[in-house]
C-alpha atoms as a PDB file:
ATOM      1  CA  GLN A   1      15.917-219.159   1.822  1.00  0.00           C
ATOM      2  CA  VAL A   2      16.824-218.087   5.369  1.00  0.00           C
ATOM      3  CA  GLN A   3      20.364-217.983   6.718  1.00  0.00           C
ATOM      4  CA  LEU A   4      21.403-217.718  10.351  1.00  0.00           C
ATOM      5  CA  VAL A   5      24.993-216.687  11.015  1.00  0.00           C
ATOM      6  CA  GLU A   6      26.444-216.957  14.517  1.00  0.00           C
ATOM      7  CA  SER A   7      29.479-215.107  15.792  1.00  0.00           C
ATOM      8  CA  GLY A   8      31.242-214.432  19.073  1.00  0.00           C
ATOM      9  CA  GLY A   9      32.418-217.866  20.111  1.00  0.00           C
ATOM     10  CA  GLY A  10      35.937-218.580  21.277  1.00  0.00           C
ATOM     11  CA  LEU A  11      38.174-219.595  24.139  1.00  0.00           C
ATOM     12  CA  VAL A  12      37.699-218.059  27.572  1.00  0.00           C
ATOM     13  CA  GLN A  13      38.836-218.854  31.092  1.00  0.00           C
ATOM     14  CA  ALA A  14      36.393-220.081  33.698  1.00  0.00           C
ATOM     15  CA  GLY A  15      34.602-217.143  35.275  1.00  0.00           C
ATOM     16  CA  GLY A  16      34.881-215.084  32.120  1.00  0.00           C
ATOM     17  CA  SER A  17      32.261-213.817  29.701  1.00  0.00           C
ATOM     18  CA  LEU A  18      31.370-214.121  26.036  1.00  0.00           C
ATOM     19  CA  ARG A  19      28.608-212.631  23.915  1.00  0.00           C
ATOM     20  CA  LEU A  20      27.195-214.604  21.033  1.00  0.00           C
ATOM     21  CA  SER A  21      25.281-213.006  18.185  1.00  0.00           C
ATOM     22  CA  CYS A  22      23.117-214.587  15.512  1.00  0.00           C
ATOM     23  CA  ALA A  23      21.808-212.609  12.551  1.00  0.00           C
ATOM     24  CA  ALA A  24      19.039-213.915  10.316  1.00  0.00           C
ATOM     25  CA  SER A  25      18.805-212.912   6.672  1.00  0.00           C
ATOM     26  CA  GLY A  26      16.965-213.929   3.528  1.00  0.00           C
ATOM     27  CA  ARG A  27      13.269-214.258   2.834  1.00  0.00           C
ATOM     28  CA  ILE A  28      11.925-213.146   6.218  1.00  0.00           C
ATOM     29  CA  LEU A  29       8.385-211.908   6.735  1.00  0.00           C
ATOM     30  CA  SER A  30       8.357-212.386  10.487  1.00  0.00           C
ATOM     31  CA  ILE A  31      10.305-214.215  13.177  1.00  0.00           C
ATOM     32  CA  SER A  32       8.539-215.638  16.208  1.00  0.00           C
ATOM     33  CA  VAL A  33      10.709-217.552  18.682  1.00  0.00           C
ATOM     34  CA  MET A  34      14.499-217.368  18.544  1.00  0.00           C
ATOM     35  CA  GLY A  35      16.739-219.535  20.643  1.00  0.00           C
ATOM     36  CA  TRP A  36      20.159-220.818  21.503  1.00  0.00           C
ATOM     37  CA  TYR A  37      21.017-224.506  21.821  1.00  0.00           C
ATOM     38  CA  ARG A  38      24.275-226.263  22.566  1.00  0.00           C
ATOM     39  CA  GLN A  39      25.737-229.650  21.859  1.00  0.00           C
ATOM     40  CA  THR A  40      28.742-231.625  23.051  1.00  0.00           C
ATOM     41  CA  PRO A  41      30.110-234.800  21.420  1.00  0.00           C
ATOM     42  CA  GLY A  42      27.949-237.821  22.083  1.00  0.00           C
ATOM     43  CA  LYS A  43      25.099-235.812  23.574  1.00  0.00           C
ATOM     44  CA  GLN A  44      21.847-234.485  22.215  1.00  0.00           C
ATOM     45  CA  ARG A  45      21.461-230.840  21.398  1.00  0.00           C
ATOM     46  CA  GLU A  46      19.907-229.065  24.380  1.00  0.00           C
ATOM     47  CA  LEU A  47      18.036-225.815  24.771  1.00  0.00           C
ATOM     48  CA  VAL A  48      19.984-223.057  26.492  1.00  0.00           C
ATOM     49  CA  ALA A  49      17.552-220.168  26.196  1.00  0.00           C
ATOM     50  CA  SER A  50      14.738-218.906  24.017  1.00  0.00           C
ATOM     51  CA  ILE A  51      12.971-215.590  23.506  1.00  0.00           C
ATOM     52  CA  SER A  52       9.657-214.712  21.934  1.00  0.00           C
ATOM     53  CA  ARG A  53       9.040-211.778  19.635  1.00  0.00           C
ATOM     54  CA  ASP A  54       7.647-209.808  22.594  1.00  0.00           C
ATOM     55  CA  HIS A  55      10.791-210.630  24.605  1.00  0.00           C
ATOM     56  CA  LYS A  56       9.479-213.307  26.922  1.00  0.00           C
ATOM     57  CA  THR A  57      12.427-215.476  27.889  1.00  0.00           C
ATOM     58  CA  ASN A  58      13.012-219.057  28.934  1.00  0.00           C
ATOM     59  CA  TYR A  59      16.250-220.532  30.311  1.00  0.00           C
ATOM     60  CA  SER A  60      17.557-223.963  31.140  1.00  0.00           C
ATOM     61  CA  ASP A  61      18.198-224.416  34.840  1.00  0.00           C
ATOM     62  CA  SER A  62      21.926-224.833  34.208  1.00  0.00           C
ATOM     63  CA  VAL A  63      22.337-221.275  32.909  1.00  0.00           C
ATOM     64  CA  LYS A  64      19.740-219.306  34.873  1.00  0.00           C
ATOM     65  CA  GLY A  65      21.294-216.289  36.535  1.00  0.00           C
ATOM     66  CA  ARG A  66      24.433-216.470  34.366  1.00  0.00           C
ATOM     67  CA  PHE A  67      23.202-216.164  30.773  1.00  0.00           C
ATOM     68  CA  THR A  68      20.938-213.522  29.264  1.00  0.00           C
ATOM     69  CA  ILE A  69      19.172-213.834  25.939  1.00  0.00           C
ATOM     70  CA  SER A  70      17.976-210.767  24.062  1.00  0.00           C
ATOM     71  CA  ARG A  71      16.937-209.833  20.554  1.00  0.00           C
ATOM     72  CA  ASP A  72      16.687-206.886  18.211  1.00  0.00           C
ATOM     73  CA  ASN A  73      13.618-207.382  16.027  1.00  0.00           C
ATOM     74  CA  ALA A  74      14.613-204.586  13.652  1.00  0.00           C
ATOM     75  CA  LYS A  75      17.915-206.354  12.953  1.00  0.00           C
ATOM     76  CA  ASN A  76      16.541-209.941  13.054  1.00  0.00           C
ATOM     77  CA  THR A  77      19.292-210.694  15.535  1.00  0.00           C
ATOM     78  CA  VAL A  78      19.421-212.662  18.758  1.00  0.00           C
ATOM     79  CA  TYR A  79      22.146-212.393  21.376  1.00  0.00           C
ATOM     80  CA  LEU A  80      23.367-214.548  24.237  1.00  0.00           C
ATOM     81  CA  GLN A  81      25.382-212.852  26.961  1.00  0.00           C
ATOM     82  CA  MET A  82      27.223-215.534  28.894  1.00  0.00           C
ATOM     83  CA  ASN A  83      28.753-214.613  32.252  1.00  0.00           C
ATOM     84  CA  SER A  84      30.448-216.649  34.966  1.00  0.00           C
ATOM     85  CA  LEU A  85      31.305-219.306  32.428  1.00  0.00           C
ATOM     86  CA  LYS A  86      32.114-222.801  33.605  1.00  0.00           C
ATOM     87  CA  ALA A  87      34.041-225.638  31.975  1.00  0.00           C
ATOM     88  CA  GLU A  88      30.757-227.507  31.542  1.00  0.00           C
ATOM     89  CA  ASP A  89      29.492-224.696  29.295  1.00  0.00           C
ATOM     90  CA  THR A  90      31.987-225.837  26.665  1.00  0.00           C
ATOM     91  CA  ALA A  91      30.009-226.820  23.575  1.00  0.00           C
ATOM     92  CA  VAL A  92      29.074-225.868  20.056  1.00  0.00           C
ATOM     93  CA  TYR A  93      26.328-223.256  20.326  1.00  0.00           C
ATOM     94  CA  TYR A  94      23.622-223.078  17.678  1.00  0.00           C
ATOM     95  CA  CYS A  95      20.982-220.466  17.172  1.00  0.00           C
ATOM     96  CA  ASN A  96      17.616-221.158  15.671  1.00  0.00           C
ATOM     97  CA  ALA A  97      14.623-219.145  14.607  1.00  0.00           C
ATOM     98  CA  ALA A  98      11.042-219.849  13.626  1.00  0.00           C
ATOM     99  CA  VAL A  99      10.527-217.781  10.503  1.00  0.00           C
ATOM    100  CA  ARG A 100       7.510-217.022   8.360  1.00  0.00           C
ATOM    101  CA  THR A 101       8.780-216.978   4.791  1.00  0.00           C
ATOM    102  CA  SER A 102       5.624-216.929   2.687  1.00  0.00           C
ATOM    103  CA  TYR A 103       2.574-214.691   2.370  1.00  0.00           C
ATOM    104  CA  TYR A 104       0.580-217.809   1.400  1.00  0.00           C
ATOM    105  CA  SER A 105       1.286-219.771   4.563  1.00  0.00           C
ATOM    106  CA  LEU A 106       1.017-219.063   8.286  1.00  0.00           C
ATOM    107  CA  ASP A 107       3.694-221.655   9.035  1.00  0.00           C
ATOM    108  CA  PHE A 108       6.914-220.703  10.826  1.00  0.00           C
ATOM    109  CA  PRO A 109       9.498-223.315   9.840  1.00  0.00           C
ATOM    110  CA  THR A 110      12.622-223.555  11.970  1.00  0.00           C
ATOM    111  CA  PHE A 111      16.033-222.639  10.628  1.00  0.00           C
ATOM    112  CA  TRP A 112      19.424-223.308  12.217  1.00  0.00           C
ATOM    113  CA  GLY A 113      22.789-221.624  12.182  1.00  0.00           C
ATOM    114  CA  GLN A 114      26.033-223.472  11.500  1.00  0.00           C
ATOM    115  CA  GLY A 115      27.206-223.335  15.112  1.00  0.00           C
ATOM    116  CA  THR A 116      29.989-221.570  16.960  1.00  0.00           C
ATOM    117  CA  GLN A 117      32.441-223.205  19.346  1.00  0.00           C
ATOM    118  CA  VAL A 118      32.645-222.002  22.929  1.00  0.00           C
ATOM    119  CA  THR A 119      35.493-223.417  24.989  1.00  0.00           C
ATOM    120  CA  VAL A 120      35.878-222.626  28.683  1.00  0.00           C
ATOM    121  CA  SER A 121      39.199-223.558  30.231  1.00  0.00           C
ATOM    122  CA  SER A 122      39.311-224.391  33.919  1.00  0.00           C
END
């Protein structure tokens, strides 16, 4: 119904930068909030950053000042620019989006991408 495809993960040295992208496709009438989460083994998935359709942003304290979330509504794409990366940023990063898929419902169910690995070497 709706697919989210992430790209841009990889291996980077501490202090370096990466840019993640996540493109949504499928039956999309409108997308409200889009976000990035991350997860490490044995831990719960945690919010990294989110952005509303009108570009209001929210960040976890651990990434404020280093990461920037943005989106292109015309392309149904959300980005995460990650600077000054630290070893503790190593995780699988997932994007999600609240998407209206039906003219007969005002609901915005949440869809998830498959995840992309980010590894920061110290």
